[in-house]
PDB file of N, CA and C in Angstrom:
ATOM      1  N   MET A   1       0.841  -1.181   0.000  1.00  0.00           N
ATOM      2  CA  MET A   1       0.000   0.000   0.000  1.00  0.00           C
ATOM      3  C   MET A   1       0.887   1.246   0.000  1.00  0.00           C
ATOM      4  N   LEU A   2       0.583   2.175  -0.889  1.00  0.00           N
ATOM      5  CA  LEU A   2       1.310   3.438  -0.938  1.00  0.00           C
ATOM      6  C   LEU A   2       0.802   4.420   0.107  1.00  0.00           C
ATOM      7  N   GLY A   3      -0.489   4.397   0.377  1.00  0.00           N
ATOM      8  CA  GLY A   3      -1.066   5.328   1.343  1.00  0.00           C
ATOM      9  C   GLY A   3      -2.530   5.561   1.057  1.00  0.00           C
ATOM     10  N   GLN A   4      -3.085   6.500   1.790  1.00  0.00           N
ATOM     11  CA  GLN A   4      -4.471   6.892   1.598  1.00  0.00           C
ATOM     12  C   GLN A   4      -4.472   8.322   1.068  1.00  0.00           C
ATOM     13  N   PHE A   5      -5.285   8.553   0.049  1.00  0.00           N
ATOM     14  CA  PHE A   5      -5.305   9.855  -0.609  1.00  0.00           C
ATOM     15  C   PHE A   5      -6.729  10.379  -0.653  1.00  0.00           C
ATOM     16  N   TRP A   6      -6.853  11.697  -0.531  1.00  0.00           N
ATOM     17  CA  TRP A   6      -8.170  12.334  -0.587  1.00  0.00           C
ATOM     18  C   TRP A   6      -8.658  12.383  -2.029  1.00  0.00           C
ATOM     19  N   TYR A   7      -9.935  12.051  -2.228  1.00  0.00           N
ATOM     20  CA  TYR A   7     -10.559  12.056  -3.551  1.00  0.00           C
ATOM     21  C   TYR A   7     -11.754  13.004  -3.535  1.00  0.00           C
ATOM     22  N   LYS A   8     -11.859  13.838  -4.561  1.00  0.00           N
ATOM     23  CA  LYS A   8     -13.040  14.673  -4.769  1.00  0.00           C
ATOM     24  C   LYS A   8     -13.353  14.690  -6.253  1.00  0.00           C
ATOM     25  N   GLU A   9     -14.614  14.528  -6.581  1.00  0.00           N
ATOM     26  CA  GLU A   9     -15.016  14.566  -7.985  1.00  0.00           C
ATOM     27  C   GLU A   9     -14.674  15.930  -8.599  1.00  0.00           C
ATOM     28  N   ALA A  10     -14.946  16.987  -7.850  1.00  0.00           N
ATOM     29  CA  ALA A  10     -14.570  18.340  -8.264  1.00  0.00           C
ATOM     30  C   ALA A  10     -13.562  18.846  -7.238  1.00  0.00           C
ATOM     31  N   ALA A  11     -12.301  18.780  -7.573  1.00  0.00           N
ATOM     32  CA  ALA A  11     -11.235  19.124  -6.627  1.00  0.00           C
ATOM     33  C   ALA A  11     -11.133  20.638  -6.435  1.00  0.00           C
ATOM     34  N   PRO A  12     -10.701  21.071  -5.241  1.00  0.00           N
ATOM     35  CA  PRO A  12     -10.532  22.510  -4.982  1.00  0.00           C
ATOM     36  C   PRO A  12      -9.480  23.139  -5.902  1.00  0.00           C
ATOM     37  N   ASP A  13      -9.697  24.383  -6.272  1.00  0.00           N
ATOM     38  CA  ASP A  13      -8.785  25.097  -7.169  1.00  0.00           C
ATOM     39  C   ASP A  13      -7.409  25.328  -6.565  1.00  0.00           C
ATOM     40  N   ASP A  14      -7.309  25.327  -5.237  1.00  0.00           N
ATOM     41  CA  ASP A  14      -6.031  25.601  -4.577  1.00  0.00           C
ATOM     42  C   ASP A  14      -5.176  24.361  -4.360  1.00  0.00           C
ATOM     43  N   ASP A  15      -5.664  23.188  -4.746  1.00  0.00           N
ATOM     44  CA  ASP A  15      -4.934  21.931  -4.550  1.00  0.00           C
ATOM     45  C   ASP A  15      -4.160  21.534  -5.803  1.00  0.00           C
ATOM     46  N   VAL A  16      -3.086  20.784  -5.591  1.00  0.00           N
ATOM     47  CA  VAL A  16      -2.470  20.053  -6.702  1.00  0.00           C
ATOM     48  C   VAL A  16      -3.387  18.857  -6.935  1.00  0.00           C
ATOM     49  N   VAL A  17      -3.841  18.682  -8.169  1.00  0.00           N
ATOM     50  CA  VAL A  17      -4.859  17.673  -8.470  1.00  0.00           C
ATOM     51  C   VAL A  17      -4.324  16.635  -9.451  1.00  0.00           C
ATOM     52  N   LEU A  18      -4.537  15.374  -9.104  1.00  0.00           N
ATOM     53  CA  LEU A  18      -4.240  14.269 -10.010  1.00  0.00           C
ATOM     54  C   LEU A  18      -5.565  13.786 -10.573  1.00  0.00           C
ATOM     55  N   GLU A  19      -5.799  14.031 -11.858  1.00  0.00           N
ATOM     56  CA  GLU A  19      -7.029  13.592 -12.518  1.00  0.00           C
ATOM     57  C   GLU A  19      -6.801  12.209 -13.124  1.00  0.00           C
ATOM     58  N   LEU A  20      -7.645  11.258 -12.735  1.00  0.00           N
ATOM     59  CA  LEU A  20      -7.532   9.876 -13.207  1.00  0.00           C
ATOM     60  C   LEU A  20      -8.372   9.661 -14.453  1.00  0.00           C
ATOM     61  N   LYS A  21      -7.829   8.852 -15.391  1.00  0.00           N
ATOM     62  CA  LYS A  21      -8.553   8.586 -16.639  1.00  0.00           C
ATOM     63  C   LYS A  21      -8.017   7.300 -17.266  1.00  0.00           C
ATOM     64  N   TRP A  22      -8.930   6.521 -17.840  1.00  0.00           N
ATOM     65  CA  TRP A  22      -8.512   5.365 -18.643  1.00  0.00           C
ATOM     66  C   TRP A  22      -8.164   5.856 -20.043  1.00  0.00           C
ATOM     67  N   VAL A  23      -7.023   5.443 -20.563  1.00  0.00           N
ATOM     68  CA  VAL A  23      -6.617   5.753 -21.936  1.00  0.00           C
ATOM     69  C   VAL A  23      -6.233   4.426 -22.579  1.00  0.00           C
ATOM     70  N   ASN A  24      -7.036   3.997 -23.547  1.00  0.00           N
ATOM     71  CA  ASN A  24      -6.822   2.698 -24.202  1.00  0.00           C
ATOM     72  C   ASN A  24      -6.696   1.573 -23.165  1.00  0.00           C
ATOM     73  N   GLU A  25      -7.593   1.596 -22.187  1.00  0.00           N
ATOM     74  CA  GLU A  25      -7.667   0.585 -21.132  1.00  0.00           C
ATOM     75  C   GLU A  25      -6.446   0.559 -20.214  1.00  0.00           C
ATOM     76  N   GLU A  26      -5.659   1.633 -20.231  1.00  0.00           N
ATOM     77  CA  GLU A  26      -4.493   1.779 -19.357  1.00  0.00           C
ATOM     78  C   GLU A  26      -4.760   2.931 -18.385  1.00  0.00           C
ATOM     79  N   PRO A  27      -4.263   2.805 -17.127  1.00  0.00           N
ATOM     80  CA  PRO A  27      -4.483   3.881 -16.155  1.00  0.00           C
ATOM     81  C   PRO A  27      -3.538   5.066 -16.394  1.00  0.00           C
ATOM     82  N   TYR A  28      -4.132   6.229 -16.556  1.00  0.00           N
ATOM     83  CA  TYR A  28      -3.375   7.454 -16.786  1.00  0.00           C
ATOM     84  C   TYR A  28      -3.804   8.522 -15.790  1.00  0.00           C
ATOM     85  N   GLY A  29      -2.952   9.524 -15.628  1.00  0.00           N
ATOM     86  CA  GLY A  29      -3.273  10.653 -14.777  1.00  0.00           C
ATOM     87  C   GLY A  29      -2.713  11.934 -15.362  1.00  0.00           C
ATOM     88  N   LYS A  30      -3.351  13.033 -14.996  1.00  0.00           N
ATOM     89  CA  LYS A  30      -2.892  14.363 -15.418  1.00  0.00           C
ATOM     90  C   LYS A  30      -2.835  15.232 -14.171  1.00  0.00           C
ATOM     91  N   VAL A  31      -1.746  15.953 -14.002  1.00  0.00           N
ATOM     92  CA  VAL A  31      -1.559  16.804 -12.836  1.00  0.00           C
ATOM     93  C   VAL A  31      -1.894  18.248 -13.199  1.00  0.00           C
ATOM     94  N   ALA A  32      -2.726  18.869 -12.372  1.00  0.00           N
ATOM     95  CA  ALA A  32      -3.040  20.292 -12.510  1.00  0.00           C
ATOM     96  C   ALA A  32      -2.609  20.986 -11.227  1.00  0.00           C
ATOM     97  N   THR A  33      -1.970  22.126 -11.383  1.00  0.00           N
ATOM     98  CA  THR A  33      -1.505  22.878 -10.217  1.00  0.00           C
ATOM     99  C   THR A  33      -2.184  24.240 -10.194  1.00  0.00           C
ATOM    100  N   PRO A  34      -2.434  24.756  -8.992  1.00  0.00           N
ATOM    101  CA  PRO A  34      -2.983  26.114  -8.923  1.00  0.00           C
ATOM    102  C   PRO A  34      -1.955  27.129  -9.426  1.00  0.00           C
ATOM    103  N   CYS A  35      -2.422  28.256  -9.878  1.00  0.00           N
ATOM    104  CA  CYS A  35      -1.510  29.290 -10.407  1.00  0.00           C
ATOM    105  C   CYS A  35      -0.457  29.688  -9.390  1.00  0.00           C
ATOM    106  N   TRP A  36      -0.825  29.784  -8.117  1.00  0.00           N
ATOM    107  CA  TRP A  36       0.160  30.214  -7.105  1.00  0.00           C
ATOM    108  C   TRP A  36       1.299  29.213  -6.972  1.00  0.00           C
ATOM    109  N   VAL A  37       1.041  27.942  -7.253  1.00  0.00           N
ATOM    110  CA  VAL A  37       2.102  26.935  -7.218  1.00  0.00           C
ATOM    111  C   VAL A  37       2.976  27.058  -8.464  1.00  0.00           C
ATOM    112  N   ALA A  38       2.354  27.220  -9.618  1.00  0.00           N
ATOM    113  CA  ALA A  38       3.111  27.306 -10.875  1.00  0.00           C
ATOM    114  C   ALA A  38       4.024  28.528 -10.904  1.00  0.00           C
ATOM    115  N   ARG A  39       3.719  29.556 -10.097  1.00  0.00           N
ATOM    116  CA  ARG A  39       4.534  30.773 -10.068  1.00  0.00           C
ATOM    117  C   ARG A  39       5.678  30.704  -9.047  1.00  0.00           C
ATOM    118  N   GLN A  40       5.736  29.681  -8.222  1.00  0.00           N
ATOM    119  CA  GLN A  40       6.787  29.581  -7.200  1.00  0.00           C
ATOM    120  C   GLN A  40       8.142  29.301  -7.842  1.00  0.00           C
ATOM    121  N   PRO A  41       9.228  29.798  -7.228  1.00  0.00           N
ATOM    122  CA  PRO A  41      10.570  29.534  -7.774  1.00  0.00           C
ATOM    123  C   PRO A  41      10.875  28.043  -7.924  1.00  0.00           C
ATOM    124  N   ILE A  42      10.417  27.221  -6.995  1.00  0.00           N
ATOM    125  CA  ILE A  42      10.666  25.775  -7.088  1.00  0.00           C
ATOM    126  C   ILE A  42      10.029  25.201  -8.358  1.00  0.00           C
ATOM    127  N   SER A  43       8.966  25.825  -8.817  1.00  0.00           N
ATOM    128  CA  SER A  43       8.286  25.350 -10.020  1.00  0.00           C
ATOM    129  C   SER A  43       9.172  25.457 -11.248  1.00  0.00           C
ATOM    130  N   ASP A  44       9.999  26.502 -11.287  1.00  0.00           N
ATOM    131  CA  ASP A  44      10.929  26.651 -12.413  1.00  0.00           C
ATOM    132  C   ASP A  44      11.922  25.491 -12.429  1.00  0.00           C
ATOM    133  N   GLU A  45      12.430  25.128 -11.250  1.00  0.00           N
ATOM    134  CA  GLU A  45      13.394  24.023 -11.159  1.00  0.00           C
ATOM    135  C   GLU A  45      12.772  22.687 -11.556  1.00  0.00           C
ATOM    136  N   LEU A  46      11.500  22.495 -11.202  1.00  0.00           N
ATOM    137  CA  LEU A  46      10.820  21.228 -11.494  1.00  0.00           C
ATOM    138  C   LEU A  46      10.156  21.212 -12.865  1.00  0.00           C
ATOM    139  N   GLY A  47      10.071  22.355 -13.513  1.00  0.00           N
ATOM    140  CA  GLY A  47       9.389  22.424 -14.802  1.00  0.00           C
ATOM    141  C   GLY A  47       7.884  22.300 -14.660  1.00  0.00           C
ATOM    142  N   VAL A  48       7.340  22.846 -13.572  1.00  0.00           N
ATOM    143  CA  VAL A  48       5.906  22.737 -13.289  1.00  0.00           C
ATOM    144  C   VAL A  48       5.109  23.627 -14.224  1.00  0.00           C
ATOM    145  N   LYS A  49       4.034  23.068 -14.755  1.00  0.00           N
ATOM    146  CA  LYS A  49       3.097  23.826 -15.582  1.00  0.00           C
ATOM    147  C   LYS A  49       1.766  23.872 -14.836  1.00  0.00           C
ATOM    148  N   HIS A  50       0.903  24.798 -15.236  1.00  0.00           N
ATOM    149  CA  HIS A  50      -0.422  24.868 -14.610  1.00  0.00           C
ATOM    150  C   HIS A  50      -1.194  23.577 -14.858  1.00  0.00           C
ATOM    151  N   GLU A  51      -1.039  23.005 -16.054  1.00  0.00           N
ATOM    152  CA  GLU A  51      -1.702  21.736 -16.366  1.00  0.00           C
ATOM    153  C   GLU A  51      -0.829  20.945 -17.325  1.00  0.00           C
ATOM    154  N   ASP A  52      -0.579  19.693 -16.977  1.00  0.00           N
ATOM    155  CA  ASP A  52       0.245  18.825 -17.809  1.00  0.00           C
ATOM    156  C   ASP A  52      -0.626  17.902 -18.647  1.00  0.00           C
ATOM    157  N   GLU A  53       0.018  17.147 -19.521  1.00  0.00           N
ATOM    158  CA  GLU A  53      -0.657  16.150 -20.338  1.00  0.00           C
ATOM    159  C   GLU A  53      -0.888  14.885 -19.511  1.00  0.00           C
ATOM    160  N   PHE A  54      -1.772  14.019 -19.990  1.00  0.00           N
ATOM    161  CA  PHE A  54      -1.962  12.728 -19.328  1.00  0.00           C
ATOM    162  C   PHE A  54      -0.692  11.897 -19.501  1.00  0.00           C
ATOM    163  N   MET A  55      -0.303  11.204 -18.433  1.00  0.00           N
ATOM    164  CA  MET A  55       0.862  10.322 -18.464  1.00  0.00           C
ATOM    165  C   MET A  55       0.513   9.053 -17.702  1.00  0.00           C
ATOM    166  N   LYS A  56       1.310   8.028 -17.849  1.00  0.00           N
ATOM    167  CA  LYS A  56       1.047   6.771 -17.135  1.00  0.00           C
ATOM    168  C   LYS A  56       0.920   7.074 -15.648  1.00  0.00           C
ATOM    169  N   LEU A  57      -0.023   6.389 -15.009  1.00  0.00           N
ATOM    170  CA  LEU A  57      -0.412   6.725 -13.648  1.00  0.00           C
ATOM    171  C   LEU A  57       0.727   6.743 -12.631  1.00  0.00           C
ATOM    172  N   PRO A  58       1.652   5.781 -12.611  1.00  0.00           N
ATOM    173  CA  PRO A  58       2.721   5.865 -11.608  1.00  0.00           C
ATOM    174  C   PRO A  58       3.550   7.146 -11.718  1.00  0.00           C
ATOM    175  N   PHE A  59       3.802   7.602 -12.943  1.00  0.00           N
ATOM    176  CA  PHE A  59       4.566   8.833 -13.141  1.00  0.00           C
ATOM    177  C   PHE A  59       3.752  10.053 -12.738  1.00  0.00           C
ATOM    178  N   ALA A  60       2.469  10.053 -13.078  1.00  0.00           N
ATOM    179  CA  ALA A  60       1.609  11.180 -12.723  1.00  0.00           C
ATOM    180  C   ALA A  60       1.480  11.317 -11.206  1.00  0.00           C
ATOM    181  N   LEU A  61       1.298  10.194 -10.504  1.00  0.00           N
ATOM    182  CA  LEU A  61       1.197  10.237  -9.046  1.00  0.00           C
ATOM    183  C   LEU A  61       2.499  10.756  -8.441  1.00  0.00           C
ATOM    184  N   SER A  62       3.620  10.233  -8.898  1.00  0.00           N
ATOM    185  CA  SER A  62       4.916  10.662  -8.374  1.00  0.00           C
ATOM    186  C   SER A  62       5.140  12.154  -8.588  1.00  0.00           C
ATOM    187  N   TYR A  63       4.847  12.612  -9.779  1.00  0.00           N
ATOM    188  CA  TYR A  63       5.025  14.023 -10.126  1.00  0.00           C
ATOM    189  C   TYR A  63       4.101  14.905  -9.285  1.00  0.00           C
ATOM    190  N   GLY A  64       2.837  14.513  -9.174  1.00  0.00           N
ATOM    191  CA  GLY A  64       1.874  15.295  -8.393  1.00  0.00           C
ATOM    192  C   GLY A  64       2.269  15.405  -6.933  1.00  0.00           C
ATOM    193  N   LEU A  65       2.712  14.302  -6.348  1.00  0.00           N
ATOM    194  CA  LEU A  65       3.143  14.328  -4.947  1.00  0.00           C
ATOM    195  C   LEU A  65       4.387  15.181  -4.770  1.00  0.00           C
ATOM    196  N   LEU A  66       5.313  15.111  -5.722  1.00  0.00           N
ATOM    197  CA  LEU A  66       6.517  15.933  -5.667  1.00  0.00           C
ATOM    198  C   LEU A  66       6.167  17.421  -5.685  1.00  0.00           C
ATOM    199  N   VAL A  67       5.292  17.810  -6.592  1.00  0.00           N
ATOM    200  CA  VAL A  67       4.893  19.214  -6.698  1.00  0.00           C
ATOM    201  C   VAL A  67       4.170  19.663  -5.424  1.00  0.00           C
ATOM    202  N   ALA A  68       3.271  18.839  -4.913  1.00  0.00           N
ATOM    203  CA  ALA A  68       2.539  19.196  -3.694  1.00  0.00           C
ATOM    204  C   ALA A  68       3.490  19.323  -2.501  1.00  0.00           C
ATOM    205  N   ALA A  69       4.412  18.382  -2.371  1.00  0.00           N
ATOM    206  CA  ALA A  69       5.356  18.418  -1.253  1.00  0.00           C
ATOM    207  C   ALA A  69       6.292  19.619  -1.359  1.00  0.00           C
ATOM    208  N   ALA A  70       6.777  19.916  -2.551  1.00  0.00           N
ATOM    209  CA  ALA A  70       7.713  21.019  -2.734  1.00  0.00           C
ATOM    210  C   ALA A  70       7.044  22.379  -2.540  1.00  0.00           C
ATOM    211  N   SER A  71       5.757  22.474  -2.850  1.00  0.00           N
ATOM    212  CA  SER A  71       5.059  23.761  -2.789  1.00  0.00           C
ATOM    213  C   SER A  71       4.301  23.976  -1.486  1.00  0.00           C
ATOM    214  N   GLY A  72       4.016  22.889  -0.767  1.00  0.00           N
ATOM    215  CA  GLY A  72       3.203  23.008   0.439  1.00  0.00           C
ATOM    216  C   GLY A  72       1.712  23.001   0.158  1.00  0.00           C
ATOM    217  N   ALA A  73       1.337  22.680  -1.074  1.00  0.00           N
ATOM    218  CA  ALA A  73      -0.087  22.620  -1.441  1.00  0.00           C
ATOM    219  C   ALA A  73      -0.689  21.291  -1.008  1.00  0.00           C
ATOM    220  N   ARG A  74      -2.004  21.271  -0.854  1.00  0.00           N
ATOM    221  CA  ARG A  74      -2.680  20.013  -0.576  1.00  0.00           C
ATOM    222  C   ARG A  74      -2.798  19.229  -1.880  1.00  0.00           C
ATOM    223  N   PHE A  75      -2.859  17.903  -1.748  1.00  0.00           N
ATOM    224  CA  PHE A  75      -2.915  17.004  -2.900  1.00  0.00           C
ATOM    225  C   PHE A  75      -4.267  16.302  -2.902  1.00  0.00           C
ATOM    226  N   THR A  76      -4.948  16.329  -4.040  1.00  0.00           N
ATOM    227  CA  THR A  76      -6.255  15.701  -4.167  1.00  0.00           C
ATOM    228  C   THR A  76      -6.305  14.883  -5.447  1.00  0.00           C
ATOM    229  N   VAL A  77      -6.913  13.708  -5.355  1.00  0.00           N
ATOM    230  CA  VAL A  77      -7.148  12.857  -6.520  1.00  0.00           C
ATOM    231  C   VAL A  77      -8.558  13.141  -7.020  1.00  0.00           C
ATOM    232  N   SER A  78      -8.732  13.172  -8.339  1.00  0.00           N
ATOM    233  CA  SER A  78     -10.015  13.456  -8.956  1.00  0.00           C
ATOM    234  C   SER A  78     -10.176  12.563 -10.182  1.00  0.00           C
ATOM    235  N   GLY A  79     -11.293  12.702 -10.874  1.00  0.00           N
ATOM    236  CA  GLY A  79     -11.510  11.936 -12.098  1.00  0.00           C
ATOM    237  C   GLY A  79     -12.188  10.606 -11.828  1.00  0.00           C
ATOM    238  N   ASP A  80     -11.868   9.608 -12.629  1.00  0.00           N
ATOM    239  CA  ASP A  80     -12.505   8.290 -12.571  1.00  0.00           C
ATOM    240  C   ASP A  80     -11.849   7.428 -11.484  1.00  0.00           C
ATOM    241  N   PRO A  81     -12.541   7.206 -10.351  1.00  0.00           N
ATOM    242  CA  PRO A  81     -11.924   6.448  -9.254  1.00  0.00           C
ATOM    243  C   PRO A  81     -11.653   4.985  -9.590  1.00  0.00           C
ATOM    244  N   THR A  82     -12.259   4.451 -10.647  1.00  0.00           N
ATOM    245  CA  THR A  82     -11.998   3.046 -11.003  1.00  0.00           C
ATOM    246  C   THR A  82     -10.589   2.866 -11.558  1.00  0.00           C
ATOM    247  N   VAL A  83      -9.937   3.960 -11.920  1.00  0.00           N
ATOM    248  CA  VAL A  83      -8.569   3.907 -12.439  1.00  0.00           C
ATOM    249  C   VAL A  83      -7.573   3.604 -11.311  1.00  0.00           C
ATOM    250  N   TRP A  84      -7.887   4.005 -10.093  1.00  0.00           N
ATOM    251  CA  TRP A  84      -6.967   3.872  -8.956  1.00  0.00           C
ATOM    252  C   TRP A  84      -6.706   2.402  -8.634  1.00  0.00           C
ATOM    253  N   PRO A  85      -5.453   1.953  -8.632  1.00  0.00           N
ATOM    254  CA  PRO A  85      -5.143   0.556  -8.307  1.00  0.00           C
ATOM    255  C   PRO A  85      -5.373   0.274  -6.811  1.00  0.00           C
ATOM    256  N   LYS A  86      -6.221  -0.676  -6.510  1.00  0.00           N
ATOM    257  CA  LYS A  86      -6.539  -0.990  -5.114  1.00  0.00           C
ATOM    258  C   LYS A  86      -5.304  -1.325  -4.273  1.00  0.00           C
ATOM    259  N   PRO A  87      -4.276  -2.010  -4.814  1.00  0.00           N
ATOM    260  CA  PRO A  87      -3.090  -2.291  -3.995  1.00  0.00           C
ATOM    261  C   PRO A  87      -2.350  -1.036  -3.520  1.00  0.00           C
ATOM    262  N   TRP A  88      -2.615   0.108  -4.150  1.00  0.00           N
ATOM    263  CA  TRP A  88      -1.959   1.349  -3.751  1.00  0.00           C
ATOM    264  C   TRP A  88      -2.548   1.930  -2.471  1.00  0.00           C
ATOM    265  N   GLY A  89      -3.721   1.501  -2.059  1.00  0.00           N
ATOM    266  CA  GLY A  89      -4.359   2.043  -0.867  1.00  0.00           C
ATOM    267  C   GLY A  89      -5.733   2.593  -1.186  1.00  0.00           C
ATOM    268  N   ASN A  90      -6.343   3.184  -0.176  1.00  0.00           N
ATOM    269  CA  ASN A  90      -7.706   3.703  -0.299  1.00  0.00           C
ATOM    270  C   ASN A  90      -7.733   5.148  -0.781  1.00  0.00           C
ATOM    271  N   LEU A  91      -8.782   5.446  -1.544  1.00  0.00           N
ATOM    272  CA  LEU A  91      -9.111   6.842  -1.812  1.00  0.00           C
ATOM    273  C   LEU A  91     -10.142   7.236  -0.762  1.00  0.00           C
ATOM    274  N   LEU A  92      -9.920   8.358  -0.104  1.00  0.00           N
ATOM    275  CA  LEU A  92     -10.805   8.819   0.960  1.00  0.00           C
ATOM    276  C   LEU A  92     -11.701   9.934   0.451  1.00  0.00           C
ATOM    277  N   MET A  93     -12.938   9.963   0.929  1.00  0.00           N
ATOM    278  CA  MET A  93     -13.906  10.968   0.495  1.00  0.00           C
ATOM    279  C   MET A  93     -13.423  12.358   0.907  1.00  0.00           C
ATOM    280  N   GLY A  94     -13.075  13.170  -0.073  1.00  0.00           N
ATOM    281  CA  GLY A  94     -12.509  14.488   0.167  1.00  0.00           C
ATOM    282  C   GLY A  94     -13.439  15.455   0.871  1.00  0.00           C
ATOM    283  N   GLU A  95     -14.747  15.206   0.790  1.00  0.00           N
ATOM    284  CA  GLU A  95     -15.698  16.079   1.466  1.00  0.00           C
ATOM    285  C   GLU A  95     -15.485  16.050   2.978  1.00  0.00           C
ATOM    286  N   LEU A  96     -14.852  14.990   3.472  1.00  0.00           N
ATOM    287  CA  LEU A  96     -14.639  14.847   4.909  1.00  0.00           C
ATOM    288  C   LEU A  96     -13.238  15.270   5.345  1.00  0.00           C
ATOM    289  N   ARG A  97     -12.408  15.752   4.404  1.00  0.00           N
ATOM    290  CA  ARG A  97     -11.026  16.099   4.721  1.00  0.00           C
ATOM    291  C   ARG A  97     -10.930  17.126   5.840  1.00  0.00           C
ATOM    292  N   ASP A  98     -11.748  18.175   5.789  1.00  0.00           N
ATOM    293  CA  ASP A  98     -11.645  19.214   6.803  1.00  0.00           C
ATOM    294  C   ASP A  98     -12.130  18.732   8.168  1.00  0.00           C
ATOM    295  N   LEU A  99     -12.920  17.682   8.176  1.00  0.00           N
ATOM    296  CA  LEU A  99     -13.370  17.094   9.443  1.00  0.00           C
ATOM    297  C   LEU A  99     -12.391  16.049   9.955  1.00  0.00           C
ATOM    298  N   ARG A 100     -11.414  15.719   9.119  1.00  0.00           N
ATOM    299  CA  ARG A 100     -10.389  14.702   9.456  1.00  0.00           C
ATOM    300  C   ARG A 100     -11.029  13.343   9.743  1.00  0.00           C
ATOM    301  N   VAL A 101     -12.044  12.992   8.942  1.00  0.00           N
ATOM    302  CA  VAL A 101     -12.691  11.699   9.075  1.00  0.00           C
ATOM    303  C   VAL A 101     -12.327  10.869   7.854  1.00  0.00           C
ATOM    304  N   PRO A 102     -11.397   9.886   7.996  1.00  0.00           N
ATOM    305  CA  PRO A 102     -11.055   9.072   6.819  1.00  0.00           C
ATOM    306  C   PRO A 102     -12.165   8.070   6.518  1.00  0.00           C
ATOM    307  N   ALA A 103     -12.834   8.266   5.391  1.00  0.00           N
ATOM    308  CA  ALA A 103     -13.924   7.386   4.980  1.00  0.00           C
ATOM    309  C   ALA A 103     -13.631   6.883   3.580  1.00  0.00           C
ATOM    310  N   PRO A 104     -13.169   5.635   3.445  1.00  0.00           N
ATOM    311  CA  PRO A 104     -12.824   5.109   2.123  1.00  0.00           C
ATOM    312  C   PRO A 104     -14.017   5.136   1.160  1.00  0.00           C
ATOM    313  N   ILE A 105     -13.731   5.435  -0.101  1.00  0.00           N
ATOM    314  CA  ILE A 105     -14.777   5.345  -1.122  1.00  0.00           C
ATOM    315  C   ILE A 105     -14.620   3.994  -1.806  1.00  0.00           C
ATOM    316  N   SER A 106     -15.694   3.472  -2.334  1.00  0.00           N
ATOM    317  CA  SER A 106     -15.601   2.188  -3.036  1.00  0.00           C
ATOM    318  C   SER A 106     -15.664   2.452  -4.534  1.00  0.00           C
ATOM    319  N   HIS A 107     -15.013   1.589  -5.284  1.00  0.00           N
ATOM    320  CA  HIS A 107     -15.062   1.708  -6.745  1.00  0.00           C
ATOM    321  C   HIS A 107     -15.049   0.350  -7.381  1.00  0.00           C
TER     322      HIS A 107
END
């Protein structure tokens, strides 16, 4: 298990967001960053864009977590939850994030 990640169908604009999508029956993800993150000096070093192209899911997750950790932004998973590999851990209902109640979603 990699961990538990917050999931919201419509992710907040201030979060680094990993959007999940099936592409030719393969799991893909696209990372979107808020403008304030894309303007940070660390973003220049990492080559961060406001929105990237879809890439294979392991790379997209790694990139999204790196950007969120380097910028201090919150990280949210969005898109099609059936794309998320169950061995990686649970996706938690993002609506409960501010209440700090981890409630796994099913897919």
